[in-house]
Amino acid sequence: MAIDFDHVLHALAHPERRQFVLACRDNPRAAGELAEQSSLSVATVSEHLKILRLSGLLVLDRQGRHWFYRTDPAVLSATLKHLRQLL
């Protein structure tokens, strides 16, 4: 899988964004749920989620009337592969 490694690293550079990726790794989460777990404003959380979505780290899925964020395991694996090349 081809990823924009620089874009992914930029997305992971912020600690709140890393927390959102971790929160969505095992279970899909609604944006409101992620905002409740953060000390940031809803608008700021939304901007962070947009950055994560554009990097490919988070995917937005619709389930009925609700939208949920989940991590993309393929992007995480590709990122890890790129990082291992630096060793």
Protein backbone atom coordinates (compact mmCIF):
# COMPACT_ATOMS: atom_id res chain seq x y z
CA MET A 1 0.00 0.00 0.00
CA ALA A 2 1.32 3.42 -0.96
CA ILE A 3 0.99 6.12 1.68
CA ASP A 4 2.16 9.70 1.91
CA PHE A 5 4.66 9.01 4.68
CA ASP A 6 5.33 12.71 5.35
CA HIS A 7 1.61 13.38 5.69
CA VAL A 8 1.19 10.45 8.09
CA LEU A 9 4.15 11.58 10.22
CA HIS A 10 2.70 15.09 10.34
CA ALA A 11 -0.64 13.68 11.45
CA LEU A 12 1.04 11.64 14.19
CA ALA A 13 3.15 14.57 15.38
CA HIS A 14 0.39 15.93 17.63
CA PRO A 15 -0.26 14.05 20.91
CA GLU A 16 -4.05 14.49 20.74
CA ARG A 17 -4.12 13.01 17.24
CA ARG A 18 -2.12 10.02 18.44
CA GLN A 19 -4.67 9.55 21.23
CA PHE A 20 -7.50 9.61 18.69
CA VAL A 21 -5.76 6.94 16.59
CA LEU A 22 -5.33 4.78 19.69
CA ALA A 23 -8.93 5.32 20.74
CA CYS A 24 -10.18 4.20 17.33
CA ARG A 25 -7.82 1.26 16.95
CA ASP A 26 -9.92 -1.41 18.64
CA ASN A 27 -13.42 0.07 18.38
CA PRO A 28 -14.97 2.63 16.03
CA ARG A 29 -15.73 5.91 17.78
CA ALA A 30 -18.08 8.79 17.09
CA ALA A 31 -16.58 12.27 16.84
CA GLY A 32 -18.57 13.36 19.92
CA GLU A 33 -17.14 10.49 21.93
CA LEU A 34 -13.61 11.47 20.92
CA ALA A 35 -14.32 15.11 21.80
CA GLU A 36 -15.56 14.05 25.26
CA GLN A 37 -12.25 12.27 25.88
CA SER A 38 -10.30 15.40 24.98
CA SER A 39 -9.82 18.76 26.66
CA LEU A 40 -10.00 20.43 23.25
CA SER A 41 -13.03 22.20 21.82
CA VAL A 42 -15.31 20.26 19.47
CA ALA A 43 -14.18 22.45 16.57
CA THR A 44 -10.51 21.73 17.29
CA VAL A 45 -11.19 18.00 17.61
CA SER A 46 -12.96 18.15 14.25
CA GLU A 47 -9.90 19.76 12.64
CA HIS A 48 -7.63 17.09 14.11
CA LEU A 49 -9.92 14.34 12.85
CA LYS A 50 -9.85 15.91 9.40
CA ILE A 51 -6.04 15.79 9.38
CA LEU A 52 -6.11 12.14 10.44
CA ARG A 53 -8.71 11.32 7.79
CA LEU A 54 -6.72 13.05 5.03
CA SER A 55 -3.58 11.17 6.06
CA GLY A 56 -5.48 7.89 5.78
CA LEU A 57 -4.92 6.94 9.42
CA LEU A 58 -8.62 7.26 10.22
CA VAL A 59 -11.54 6.21 8.05
CA LEU A 60 -15.06 7.54 8.49
CA ASP A 61 -17.75 4.85 8.22
CA ARG A 62 -21.51 5.27 8.24
CA GLN A 63 -23.53 2.87 10.35
CA GLY A 64 -27.19 3.67 9.98
CA ARG A 65 -27.68 7.34 10.85
CA HIS A 66 -24.36 7.55 12.68
CA TRP A 67 -20.79 8.13 11.57
CA PHE A 68 -17.83 6.43 13.24
CA TYR A 69 -14.07 6.80 12.95
CA ARG A 70 -11.83 3.75 12.81
CA THR A 71 -8.14 3.29 12.13
CA ASP A 72 -7.03 1.85 8.83
CA PRO A 73 -4.80 -1.12 9.73
CA ALA A 74 -3.22 -1.09 6.26
CA VAL A 75 -2.01 2.49 6.73
CA LEU A 76 -0.67 1.67 10.19
CA SER A 77 1.18 -1.35 8.79
CA ALA A 78 2.62 0.63 5.89
CA THR A 79 3.75 3.34 8.31
CA LEU A 80 5.47 0.77 10.49
CA LYS A 81 7.17 -0.70 7.41
CA HIS A 82 8.52 2.75 6.48
CA LEU A 83 9.75 3.33 10.01
CA ARG A 84 11.53 -0.03 10.09
CA GLN A 85 13.47 0.98 6.98
CA LEU A 86 15.05 3.73 9.06
CA LEU A 87 16.61 1.23 11.46
